[in-house]
N, C-alpha and C. Protein backbone atom coordinates (compact mmCIF):
# COMPACT_ATOMS: atom_id res chain seq x y z
N MET A 1 1.05 -0.97 0.13
CA MET A 1 -0.19 0.17 -0.23
C MET A 1 0.79 1.39 -0.04
N LEU A 2 0.69 2.08 -0.76
CA LEU A 2 1.28 3.35 -1.09
C LEU A 2 0.63 4.43 0.38
N LYS A 3 1.53 4.95 1.09
CA LYS A 3 0.89 5.79 2.02
C LYS A 3 0.97 7.51 1.08
N ILE A 4 0.21 8.34 1.17
CA ILE A 4 -0.06 9.53 0.47
C ILE A 4 -0.01 9.94 1.30
N ALA A 5 0.92 11.63 2.29
CA ALA A 5 0.72 12.51 2.74
C ALA A 5 0.15 13.78 1.87
N ILE A 6 -1.25 14.51 2.50
CA ILE A 6 -1.24 15.48 1.14
C ILE A 6 -1.31 16.70 2.64
N THR A 7 -0.55 17.94 2.37
CA THR A 7 -0.51 18.79 3.43
C THR A 7 -0.18 20.51 2.49
N GLY A 8 -0.16 21.19 3.57
CA GLY A 8 -0.08 22.58 2.90
C GLY A 8 -0.48 23.34 4.09
N ASN A 9 -0.12 24.59 3.73
CA ASN A 9 -0.31 25.60 5.08
C ASN A 9 -1.88 26.10 4.80
N ILE A 10 -2.52 26.61 6.29
CA ILE A 10 -3.63 27.11 6.26
C ILE A 10 -4.15 27.81 4.85
N ALA A 11 -5.14 27.12 4.86
CA ALA A 11 -6.35 27.64 3.33
C ALA A 11 -5.71 27.83 1.86
N CYS A 12 -4.62 26.98 2.02
CA CYS A 12 -4.01 26.47 0.81
C CYS A 12 -5.08 25.58 0.08
N GLY A 13 -6.23 24.93 0.41
CA GLY A 13 -7.02 23.96 -0.90
C GLY A 13 -7.00 22.80 -0.50
N LYS A 14 -6.57 22.06 0.83
CA LYS A 14 -6.11 20.71 1.11
C LYS A 14 -7.47 19.68 0.86
N SER A 15 -8.74 20.79 1.51
CA SER A 15 -9.96 20.05 1.73
C SER A 15 -10.41 19.93 0.14
N GLU A 16 -10.15 20.97 -1.07
CA GLU A 16 -10.65 20.40 -2.09
C GLU A 16 -9.99 19.31 -3.02
N VAL A 17 -8.79 18.94 -2.28
CA VAL A 17 -7.76 18.44 -2.72
C VAL A 17 -8.39 16.74 -2.45
N GLU A 18 -8.71 16.77 -1.09
CA GLU A 18 -8.94 15.70 -0.56
C GLU A 18 -10.22 15.25 -1.10
N GLU A 19 -11.39 16.53 -1.44
CA GLU A 19 -12.97 15.94 -1.78
C GLU A 19 -12.64 15.14 -3.27
N PHE A 20 -11.45 15.87 -3.94
CA PHE A 20 -11.73 15.19 -5.69
C PHE A 20 -10.97 14.06 -5.81
N LEU A 21 -10.07 13.61 -4.76
CA LEU A 21 -9.49 11.95 -4.17
C LEU A 21 -10.80 11.22 -3.91
N GLY A 22 -11.61 11.37 -3.09
CA GLY A 22 -12.55 10.83 -2.52
C GLY A 22 -13.21 10.01 -3.44
N LYS A 23 -13.52 11.12 -4.36
CA LYS A 23 -14.60 11.26 -5.86
C LYS A 23 -14.05 10.13 -6.53
N GLN A 24 -13.06 10.00 -6.37
CA GLN A 24 -12.18 9.41 -7.46
C GLN A 24 -11.87 7.74 -6.76
N GLY A 25 -12.72 7.69 -5.51
CA GLY A 25 -12.65 6.49 -4.75
C GLY A 25 -11.51 5.85 -3.88
N PHE A 26 -10.60 7.07 -3.64
CA PHE A 26 -9.65 7.00 -2.95
C PHE A 26 -10.25 6.96 -1.21
N SER A 27 -9.43 6.51 -0.19
CA SER A 27 -9.74 6.59 1.02
C SER A 27 -8.74 7.62 1.51
N VAL A 28 -9.86 8.57 1.90
CA VAL A 28 -8.52 9.78 2.32
C VAL A 28 -8.85 9.72 4.00
N LEU A 29 -8.34 10.03 4.75
CA LEU A 29 -8.64 10.54 6.27
C LEU A 29 -8.02 11.96 6.42
N ASP A 30 -8.90 12.84 6.92
CA ASP A 30 -8.30 14.64 6.95
C ASP A 30 -7.98 14.13 8.83
N THR A 31 -6.68 14.57 9.20
CA THR A 31 -6.43 14.57 10.47
C THR A 31 -6.69 16.22 11.38
N ASP A 32 -7.41 16.70 10.61
CA ASP A 32 -8.05 18.44 11.12
C ASP A 32 -9.69 17.20 11.59
N LYS A 33 -10.53 16.88 10.85
CA LYS A 33 -11.34 16.73 11.42
C LYS A 33 -11.39 15.30 12.73
N ALA A 34 -10.27 14.70 12.09
CA ALA A 34 -9.82 13.61 13.53
C ALA A 34 -9.65 14.12 14.80
N ALA A 35 -8.85 15.69 14.63
CA ALA A 35 -8.70 15.89 15.74
C ALA A 35 -9.63 16.43 16.44
N HIS A 36 -10.46 17.07 15.70
CA HIS A 36 -11.70 17.82 16.03
C HIS A 36 -12.72 16.69 17.01
N ALA A 37 -12.94 15.89 16.40
CA ALA A 37 -13.88 14.40 16.46
C ALA A 37 -12.91 14.22 18.21
N LEU A 38 -11.70 14.13 18.49
CA LEU A 38 -10.70 13.77 19.43
C LEU A 38 -11.32 14.54 20.35
N SER A 39 -11.08 15.95 20.42
CA SER A 39 -11.13 17.11 20.88
C SER A 39 -12.98 16.97 21.66
N GLU A 40 -14.12 16.56 20.85
CA GLU A 40 -15.23 16.74 21.22
C GLU A 40 -15.73 15.69 21.99
N SER A 41 -15.14 14.04 21.62
CA SER A 41 -15.74 13.02 21.80
C SER A 41 -14.95 11.98 23.19
N ASN A 42 -13.65 12.77 23.16
CA ASN A 42 -12.72 11.73 23.72
C ASN A 42 -12.78 12.25 25.17
N ILE A 43 -13.34 11.85 26.08
CA ILE A 43 -13.05 12.40 27.67
C ILE A 43 -11.89 12.94 28.17
N GLU A 44 -11.04 12.05 28.51
CA GLU A 44 -10.32 12.11 28.63
C GLU A 44 -8.87 12.99 27.78
N ILE A 45 -9.24 13.27 26.70
CA ILE A 45 -8.39 14.33 25.93
C ILE A 45 -9.47 16.04 26.35
N ARG A 46 -10.69 15.80 26.31
CA ARG A 46 -11.37 17.16 26.86
C ARG A 46 -10.66 17.63 27.97
N LYS A 47 -11.07 16.79 28.88
CA LYS A 47 -10.68 17.10 29.89
C LYS A 47 -9.26 17.65 30.48
N LYS A 48 -8.10 17.22 29.59
CA LYS A 48 -6.63 17.58 29.36
C LYS A 48 -6.81 19.24 28.82
N ILE A 49 -7.72 19.19 27.87
CA ILE A 49 -7.78 20.42 27.16
C ILE A 49 -8.42 21.80 28.14
N TYR A 50 -9.36 21.22 28.90
CA TYR A 50 -10.11 22.15 29.89
C TYR A 50 -8.98 22.47 30.68
N GLU A 51 -8.05 21.36 31.54
CA GLU A 51 -7.51 21.51 32.78
C GLU A 51 -6.39 22.57 32.20
N LYS A 52 -6.29 22.78 31.34
CA LYS A 52 -5.13 23.71 30.46
C LYS A 52 -5.47 25.10 30.42
N PHE A 53 -6.59 24.63 29.17
CA PHE A 53 -7.11 26.25 28.73
C PHE A 53 -8.59 26.99 29.44
N LYS A 54 -9.15 25.91 30.26
CA LYS A 54 -10.03 26.54 31.21
C LYS A 54 -11.22 26.63 30.18
N THR A 55 -11.21 25.74 29.16
CA THR A 55 -12.46 26.24 28.05
C THR A 55 -12.43 24.70 27.06
N ASN A 56 -13.46 24.35 26.39
CA ASN A 56 -13.57 23.42 25.67
C ASN A 56 -13.73 23.37 24.29
N ASP A 57 -14.30 25.49 24.02
CA ASP A 57 -14.56 25.93 23.13
C ASP A 57 -13.28 25.96 22.09
N ARG A 58 -13.28 25.06 20.70
CA ARG A 58 -12.59 25.41 19.58
C ARG A 58 -11.85 26.94 19.12
N THR A 59 -12.94 27.68 19.19
CA THR A 59 -12.56 29.03 18.45
C THR A 59 -11.81 29.96 19.64
N GLU A 60 -12.30 29.89 21.04
CA GLU A 60 -11.36 30.10 22.16
C GLU A 60 -10.26 29.66 22.34
N ILE A 61 -10.14 28.31 22.00
CA ILE A 61 -8.93 27.91 22.49
C ILE A 61 -7.92 28.28 21.17
N GLY A 62 -8.71 28.51 19.61
CA GLY A 62 -7.63 29.11 18.52
C GLY A 62 -7.25 30.46 18.78
N LYS A 63 -7.98 31.29 19.69
CA LYS A 63 -7.35 32.74 19.79
C LYS A 63 -5.95 32.60 20.90
N ILE A 64 -6.19 31.53 21.82
CA ILE A 64 -5.41 31.65 22.75
C ILE A 64 -3.77 31.23 22.23
N VAL A 65 -4.20 29.66 21.58
CA VAL A 65 -2.88 29.04 21.10
C VAL A 65 -2.33 30.19 20.09
N PHE A 66 -3.07 30.76 19.40
CA PHE A 66 -2.28 31.32 17.98
C PHE A 66 -1.69 32.57 18.64
N SER A 67 -1.78 32.95 19.72
CA SER A 67 -1.22 34.55 20.28
C SER A 67 -0.07 33.63 21.15
N ASN A 68 -0.12 32.80 21.31
CA ASN A 68 1.10 32.29 22.47
C ASN A 68 1.58 31.02 21.77
N PRO A 69 2.86 30.79 21.30
CA PRO A 69 3.30 29.87 20.74
C PRO A 69 3.97 28.51 21.84
N LYS A 70 3.89 28.83 23.10
CA LYS A 70 4.53 28.18 24.23
C LYS A 70 2.96 26.77 24.19
N LEU A 71 1.87 28.02 24.35
CA LEU A 71 0.60 26.72 24.63
C LEU A 71 -0.03 26.69 23.48
N LYS A 72 0.18 26.65 22.13
CA LYS A 72 0.14 26.28 20.80
C LYS A 72 0.56 24.79 20.84
N GLN A 73 2.12 24.79 21.54
CA GLN A 73 2.66 23.47 21.14
C GLN A 73 2.05 22.94 22.73
N GLU A 74 1.88 23.04 23.80
CA GLU A 74 1.23 22.55 24.53
C GLU A 74 -0.46 21.16 24.18
N LEU A 75 -1.15 22.37 23.47
CA LEU A 75 -1.98 21.48 22.83
C LEU A 75 -1.82 20.46 21.85
N GLU A 76 -0.45 20.93 20.78
CA GLU A 76 -0.45 19.68 20.09
C GLU A 76 0.62 18.48 20.90
N ASP A 77 0.87 18.99 22.08
CA ASP A 77 1.40 17.69 22.74
C ASP A 77 -0.02 16.69 23.09
N ILE A 78 -1.05 17.35 23.26
CA ILE A 78 -2.14 16.89 23.94
C ILE A 78 -2.71 15.80 22.62
N LEU A 79 -2.73 16.76 21.83
CA LEU A 79 -3.46 16.02 20.11
C LEU A 79 -2.65 15.31 19.31
N HIS A 80 -1.76 15.31 19.19
CA HIS A 80 -0.50 14.64 18.42
C HIS A 80 -0.52 13.15 18.43
N PRO A 81 -0.40 12.55 19.47
CA PRO A 81 -0.41 10.86 20.01
C PRO A 81 -1.86 10.47 19.69
N PRO A 82 -2.49 10.66 20.28
CA PRO A 82 -3.72 9.91 19.53
C PRO A 82 -3.75 10.57 17.93
N ILE A 83 -3.66 11.56 17.52
CA ILE A 83 -3.87 11.93 15.91
C ILE A 83 -2.86 10.57 15.32
N LYS A 84 -1.92 10.59 15.86
CA LYS A 84 -0.90 9.56 15.05
C LYS A 84 -1.16 8.25 15.25
N LYS A 85 -1.93 7.86 16.44
CA LYS A 85 -2.42 6.73 16.43
C LYS A 85 -3.33 6.31 15.69
N ARG A 86 -4.31 7.59 15.11
CA ARG A 86 -5.63 7.48 14.48
C ARG A 86 -4.76 7.17 13.06
N ILE A 87 -3.55 7.65 12.90
CA ILE A 87 -3.18 7.67 11.44
C ILE A 87 -3.11 6.26 10.79
N GLU A 88 -2.34 5.37 12.44
CA GLU A 88 -1.59 4.15 12.41
C GLU A 88 -2.79 3.38 12.14
N ASP A 89 -4.08 3.55 12.44
CA ASP A 89 -5.51 2.47 12.74
C ASP A 89 -6.10 2.86 11.13
N PHE A 90 -5.72 3.70 10.40
CA PHE A 90 -6.37 4.09 8.88
C PHE A 90 -5.34 3.35 8.07
N PHE A 91 -3.91 3.26 8.54
CA PHE A 91 -3.29 2.41 7.60
C PHE A 91 -3.89 0.77 7.92
N ASP A 92 -3.61 0.30 8.75
CA ASP A 92 -4.02 -0.93 9.10
C ASP A 92 -5.53 -1.28 8.76
N SER A 93 -6.26 -0.45 8.80
CA SER A 93 -7.84 -0.82 8.42
C SER A 93 -7.47 -0.87 6.80
N LYS A 94 -7.33 -0.03 6.05
CA LYS A 94 -6.94 -0.17 4.52
C LYS A 94 -5.84 -0.75 3.55
N LYS A 95 -5.16 -1.67 4.82
CA LYS A 95 -3.89 -2.16 4.40
C LYS A 95 -4.10 -3.08 3.11
N PHE A 96 -5.06 -3.23 2.47
CA PHE A 96 -5.42 -4.18 1.17
C PHE A 96 -5.67 -3.33 0.07
N GLU A 97 -5.84 -2.00 0.34
CA GLU A 97 -5.74 -0.88 -0.80
C GLU A 97 -4.38 -0.28 -1.33
N LYS A 98 -4.53 -0.16 -2.74
CA LYS A 98 -3.39 0.24 -3.68
C LYS A 98 -2.47 1.40 -3.01
N ALA A 99 -3.56 2.28 -2.27
CA ALA A 99 -2.87 3.65 -1.89
C ALA A 99 -3.70 4.16 -1.21
N VAL A 100 -3.48 5.09 0.14
CA VAL A 100 -4.57 5.92 0.78
C VAL A 100 -3.82 7.19 1.33
N PHE A 101 -4.61 8.08 1.32
CA PHE A 101 -4.02 9.82 1.54
C PHE A 101 -4.66 10.02 2.76
N VAL A 102 -4.14 10.79 3.50
CA VAL A 102 -4.05 11.17 4.50
C VAL A 102 -3.68 12.85 4.56
N SER A 103 -4.49 13.58 4.82
CA SER A 103 -4.42 15.39 5.13
C SER A 103 -4.13 15.34 6.70
N VAL A 104 -2.41 16.06 6.40
CA VAL A 104 -1.59 16.50 7.47
C VAL A 104 -1.59 17.48 7.12
N PRO A 105 -2.08 18.61 7.75
CA PRO A 105 -1.51 19.97 7.62
C PRO A 105 -0.29 20.51 8.51
N LEU A 106 0.13 19.18 9.68
CA LEU A 106 1.37 20.07 10.25
C LEU A 106 2.49 18.94 10.27
N LEU A 107 2.26 18.70 9.02
CA LEU A 107 3.12 17.28 8.40
C LEU A 107 4.62 17.38 8.78
N TYR A 108 5.19 18.59 8.35
CA TYR A 108 6.39 18.80 8.61
C TYR A 108 6.75 19.37 10.29
N GLU A 109 5.77 20.07 10.79
CA GLU A 109 5.69 20.57 12.11
C GLU A 109 5.59 19.45 13.02
N ALA A 110 4.93 18.50 12.64
CA ALA A 110 4.82 17.17 13.94
C ALA A 110 5.89 16.25 13.84
N GLY A 111 6.83 16.46 12.52
CA GLY A 111 8.05 15.54 11.90
C GLY A 111 7.74 13.96 11.64
N TRP A 112 6.13 13.82 10.82
CA TRP A 112 5.82 12.25 10.50
C TRP A 112 5.91 12.31 8.94
N GLU A 113 7.20 13.13 8.52
CA GLU A 113 7.34 12.96 7.33
C GLU A 113 7.22 11.36 7.01
N SER A 114 8.21 10.65 7.68
CA SER A 114 8.59 9.50 7.81
C SER A 114 7.56 8.27 7.75
N MET A 115 6.19 8.60 7.77
CA MET A 115 5.23 7.41 7.90
C MET A 115 5.00 7.54 6.70
N PHE A 116 4.93 8.05 5.58
CA PHE A 116 4.94 8.12 4.41
C PHE A 116 5.64 8.00 3.20
N ASP A 117 5.23 7.49 2.07
CA ASP A 117 5.87 7.05 0.95
C ASP A 117 6.04 8.02 -0.06
N LYS A 118 5.07 9.15 0.23
CA LYS A 118 5.33 10.26 -0.95
C LYS A 118 3.98 11.51 0.01
N VAL A 119 4.73 12.76 -0.37
CA VAL A 119 4.01 13.96 0.09
C VAL A 119 3.31 14.47 -1.07
N ILE A 120 2.34 15.33 -1.06
CA ILE A 120 2.25 15.96 -1.93
C ILE A 120 1.76 17.08 -1.22
N LEU A 121 1.91 18.24 -1.69
CA LEU A 121 2.32 19.76 -0.71
C LEU A 121 1.07 20.45 -2.01
N VAL A 122 0.03 20.68 -1.36
CA VAL A 122 -0.53 21.68 -2.03
C VAL A 122 -0.57 23.29 -1.59
N ALA A 123 -0.33 23.93 -2.71
CA ALA A 123 0.36 25.67 -2.45
C ALA A 123 -0.31 26.87 -2.67
N ALA A 124 -0.54 27.69 -2.20
CA ALA A 124 -0.83 28.98 -2.82
C ALA A 124 -0.15 30.24 -2.13
N SER A 125 -0.41 31.18 -2.84
CA SER A 125 0.31 32.48 -2.79
C SER A 125 -0.24 33.00 -1.09
N ASP A 126 0.87 33.63 -0.49
CA ASP A 126 -0.04 33.77 1.01
C ASP A 126 -0.99 34.73 1.28
N ASP A 127 -0.91 35.91 -0.14
CA ASP A 127 -1.99 36.59 -0.11
C ASP A 127 -3.39 36.00 -0.72
N ILE A 128 -2.91 34.82 -1.48
CA ILE A 128 -4.48 34.46 -1.76
C ILE A 128 -4.51 33.82 -0.61
N ARG A 129 -3.74 33.20 0.31
CA ARG A 129 -4.41 32.44 1.76
C ARG A 129 -4.90 33.09 2.22
N LEU A 130 -4.32 34.37 2.68
CA LEU A 130 -4.52 35.78 3.74
C LEU A 130 -6.23 35.58 2.96
N SER A 131 -6.29 36.65 1.91
CA SER A 131 -8.08 36.42 1.51
C SER A 131 -9.02 35.21 1.75
N ARG A 132 -8.34 34.30 1.56
CA ARG A 132 -9.53 32.84 1.86
C ARG A 132 -9.66 32.98 3.54
N LEU A 133 -8.55 32.44 4.07
CA LEU A 133 -8.59 33.02 5.68
C LEU A 133 -9.58 33.77 6.23
N MET A 134 -9.71 34.88 5.78
CA MET A 134 -10.33 36.02 6.43
C MET A 134 -11.82 35.85 5.88
N LYS A 135 -12.00 35.48 4.87
CA LYS A 135 -13.29 35.46 4.17
C LYS A 135 -13.90 33.96 4.89
N ARG A 136 -13.19 32.83 4.68
CA ARG A 136 -13.66 31.44 5.19
C ARG A 136 -14.26 31.38 6.33
N ASN A 137 -13.20 32.12 7.25
CA ASN A 137 -13.37 31.86 8.65
C ASN A 137 -13.57 33.33 9.54
N ASN A 138 -13.90 34.49 8.80
CA ASN A 138 -14.11 35.46 9.29
C ASN A 138 -13.35 35.79 10.22
N PHE A 139 -12.11 36.37 9.76
CA PHE A 139 -11.02 36.47 10.65
C PHE A 139 -10.77 37.73 10.29
N SER A 140 -9.82 38.63 11.45
CA SER A 140 -9.46 39.40 10.79
C SER A 140 -8.28 39.64 10.46
N ARG A 141 -8.01 40.55 9.39
CA ARG A 141 -6.17 40.38 8.96
C ARG A 141 -5.47 40.01 9.90
N LYS A 142 -5.40 40.80 11.37
CA LYS A 142 -4.28 40.63 12.04
C LYS A 142 -4.28 39.10 12.68
N HIS A 143 -5.48 38.35 12.98
CA HIS A 143 -5.86 37.03 13.53
C HIS A 143 -5.35 35.91 12.33
N ALA A 144 -5.66 36.62 11.28
CA ALA A 144 -5.42 35.37 9.66
C ALA A 144 -4.00 35.77 9.75
N LEU A 145 -2.98 36.67 10.10
CA LEU A 145 -1.51 36.69 9.85
C LEU A 145 -0.94 35.75 10.70
N LYS A 146 -1.83 36.00 11.88
CA LYS A 146 -1.22 35.01 13.02
C LYS A 146 -1.17 33.75 12.73
N ARG A 147 -2.02 32.74 12.22
CA ARG A 147 -2.71 31.88 11.86
C ARG A 147 -1.32 31.27 10.83
N ILE A 148 -1.41 32.19 9.53
CA ILE A 148 -0.24 31.84 8.91
C ILE A 148 1.26 31.61 9.55
N SER A 149 1.08 32.83 10.19
CA SER A 149 2.68 32.79 10.62
C SER A 149 3.56 31.64 11.40
N SER A 150 2.18 31.10 11.84
CA SER A 150 2.28 29.74 13.11
C SER A 150 2.69 28.78 12.28
N GLN A 151 3.04 28.56 11.61
CA GLN A 151 3.41 27.36 10.46
C GLN A 151 4.83 27.40 9.78
N VAL A 152 5.36 26.43 9.27
CA VAL A 152 6.94 26.37 8.56
C VAL A 152 6.51 27.10 7.66
N PRO A 153 6.93 28.37 7.04
CA PRO A 153 7.02 29.03 5.52
C PRO A 153 6.53 27.32 4.45
N GLN A 154 5.57 28.06 3.80
CA GLN A 154 5.23 27.04 2.30
C GLN A 154 6.49 27.20 1.33
N SER A 155 7.57 28.21 2.05
CA SER A 155 9.20 28.25 0.95
C SER A 155 9.52 27.03 1.04
N GLU A 156 9.46 26.58 2.65
CA GLU A 156 10.90 25.49 3.24
C GLU A 156 10.04 24.32 2.78
N LYS A 157 8.71 23.87 3.02
CA LYS A 157 7.85 22.89 2.26
C LYS A 157 8.10 22.04 0.84
N LEU A 158 8.18 23.37 0.17
CA LEU A 158 8.45 22.91 -1.33
C LEU A 158 9.40 21.93 -1.64
N ALA A 159 10.28 22.48 -1.02
CA ALA A 159 11.89 21.51 -1.63
C ALA A 159 11.68 19.75 -0.75
N LYS A 160 10.83 19.70 0.13
CA LYS A 160 10.63 18.77 0.80
C LYS A 160 9.66 17.67 0.33
N ALA A 161 8.70 18.20 -0.45
CA ALA A 161 7.67 17.64 -0.89
C ALA A 161 7.79 16.61 -2.12
N ASP A 162 7.16 15.56 -2.34
CA ASP A 162 7.40 14.92 -3.89
C ASP A 162 6.48 15.50 -4.99
N PHE A 163 5.66 15.76 -4.63
CA PHE A 163 4.57 16.72 -5.47
C PHE A 163 3.88 18.00 -5.36
N VAL A 164 3.88 18.79 -5.86
CA VAL A 164 3.04 20.15 -5.57
C VAL A 164 2.23 20.48 -6.48
N ILE A 165 0.78 20.41 -5.60
CA ILE A 165 -0.40 21.23 -6.77
C ILE A 165 -0.44 22.49 -6.60
N ASN A 166 -0.58 23.34 -7.19
CA ASN A 166 -0.61 24.69 -7.31
C ASN A 166 -2.14 25.28 -7.54
N ASN A 167 -2.56 25.47 -6.09
CA ASN A 167 -3.83 25.67 -6.29
C ASN A 167 -4.37 27.49 -6.25
N GLU A 168 -4.25 27.86 -7.02
CA GLU A 168 -4.64 29.19 -7.36
C GLU A 168 -5.24 30.09 -8.36
N ASP A 169 -5.75 28.91 -9.09
CA ASP A 169 -6.73 29.05 -9.67
C ASP A 169 -8.12 28.29 -9.86
N ASN A 170 -8.80 28.16 -10.63
CA ASN A 170 -10.27 27.64 -10.34
C ASN A 170 -10.44 26.15 -9.87
N LEU A 171 -11.28 25.71 -9.69
CA LEU A 171 -11.39 23.87 -9.12
C LEU A 171 -11.41 23.10 -10.23
N GLU A 172 -11.57 23.71 -11.27
CA GLU A 172 -11.33 22.56 -12.54
C GLU A 172 -9.61 22.66 -12.83
N HIS A 173 -9.16 23.78 -12.47
CA HIS A 173 -7.40 23.33 -12.62
C HIS A 173 -6.68 22.74 -11.89
N LEU A 174 -7.51 22.77 -10.33
CA LEU A 174 -7.24 21.52 -9.19
C LEU A 174 -7.85 20.52 -9.78
N GLY A 175 -8.27 19.93 -10.26
CA GLY A 175 -9.02 18.80 -10.41
C GLY A 175 -7.95 18.21 -11.28
N ALA A 176 -7.56 18.86 -12.70
CA ALA A 176 -6.37 18.69 -13.28
C ALA A 176 -5.05 18.11 -12.64
N GLU A 177 -4.61 19.28 -12.17
CA GLU A 177 -3.79 19.36 -11.07
C GLU A 177 -3.52 17.93 -10.24
N VAL A 178 -4.51 17.36 -9.53
CA VAL A 178 -4.94 16.20 -8.95
C VAL A 178 -5.04 14.99 -9.84
N ASN A 179 -5.29 14.70 -10.92
CA ASN A 179 -4.83 14.60 -11.76
C ASN A 179 -3.69 13.86 -12.48
N LYS A 180 -3.05 15.29 -12.16
CA LYS A 180 -1.40 14.52 -12.99
C LYS A 180 -0.92 13.72 -11.89
N VAL A 181 -0.82 13.97 -10.78
CA VAL A 181 0.01 13.41 -9.37
C VAL A 181 -0.77 12.19 -9.37
N ILE A 182 -1.91 11.94 -9.50
CA ILE A 182 -2.42 10.53 -9.56
C ILE A 182 -1.67 9.51 -10.74
N GLU A 183 -1.58 10.15 -12.34
CA GLU A 183 -1.30 9.77 -13.10
C GLU A 183 0.64 9.16 -12.84
N SER A 184 0.78 10.09 -12.45
CA SER A 184 2.29 9.94 -11.65
C SER A 184 2.38 9.05 -10.64
N LEU A 185 1.78 9.15 -10.04
CA LEU A 185 1.81 7.87 -9.02
C LEU A 185 1.22 6.17 -9.40
N GLY A 186 1.02 6.52 -10.89
CA GLY A 186 0.62 4.96 -11.04
C GLY A 186 -0.89 4.75 -10.74
N LEU A 187 -1.70 5.61 -10.32
CA LEU A 187 -2.74 4.87 -9.80
C LEU A 187 -4.28 5.14 -10.32
N HIS A 188 -4.18 5.85 -11.65
CA HIS A 188 -5.25 5.64 -12.75
C HIS A 188 -5.40 4.15 -13.34
N GLU A 189 -6.41 3.69 -13.32
CA GLU A 189 -6.95 1.74 -13.39
C GLU A 189 -6.74 2.17 -15.04
């Protein structure tokens, strides 16, 4: 089984890439959704988060951690071990498939590259991502910039990825880019 990571900085379009892959019949795990599910349904994790932040409201926690790198790291220390386990369980449950995809926004930040055979980076300019983030999440420019600056710069990730999908155009172009990667991986039947 080919294990393929999808990564990219915030508001680059990872979700759209996941959607294209899912429509083509590939199994895709979104670790952002897995983290949200864990923080909502796992009592032990909810308790740890509440003890640290005195709230379980994701919006409030976001405001706290994106203003304080130390607290962001502490939240990741709570969430990353069970997310990594979820990825391993996903691989195990899909072991008879030719290829699986896992969307991991913080792939390089978490140091999880070695879990995967190939890495796809979804890329878009900082200006486009800023605009998308402000519109999508109704963030102020200042808060959106904090979110963007909290990740390893896209320029550093470009050299590490096996494939780069440029997502600065329309969905039709994005779909064509995804298909090129699938073909390069030898996954088209």
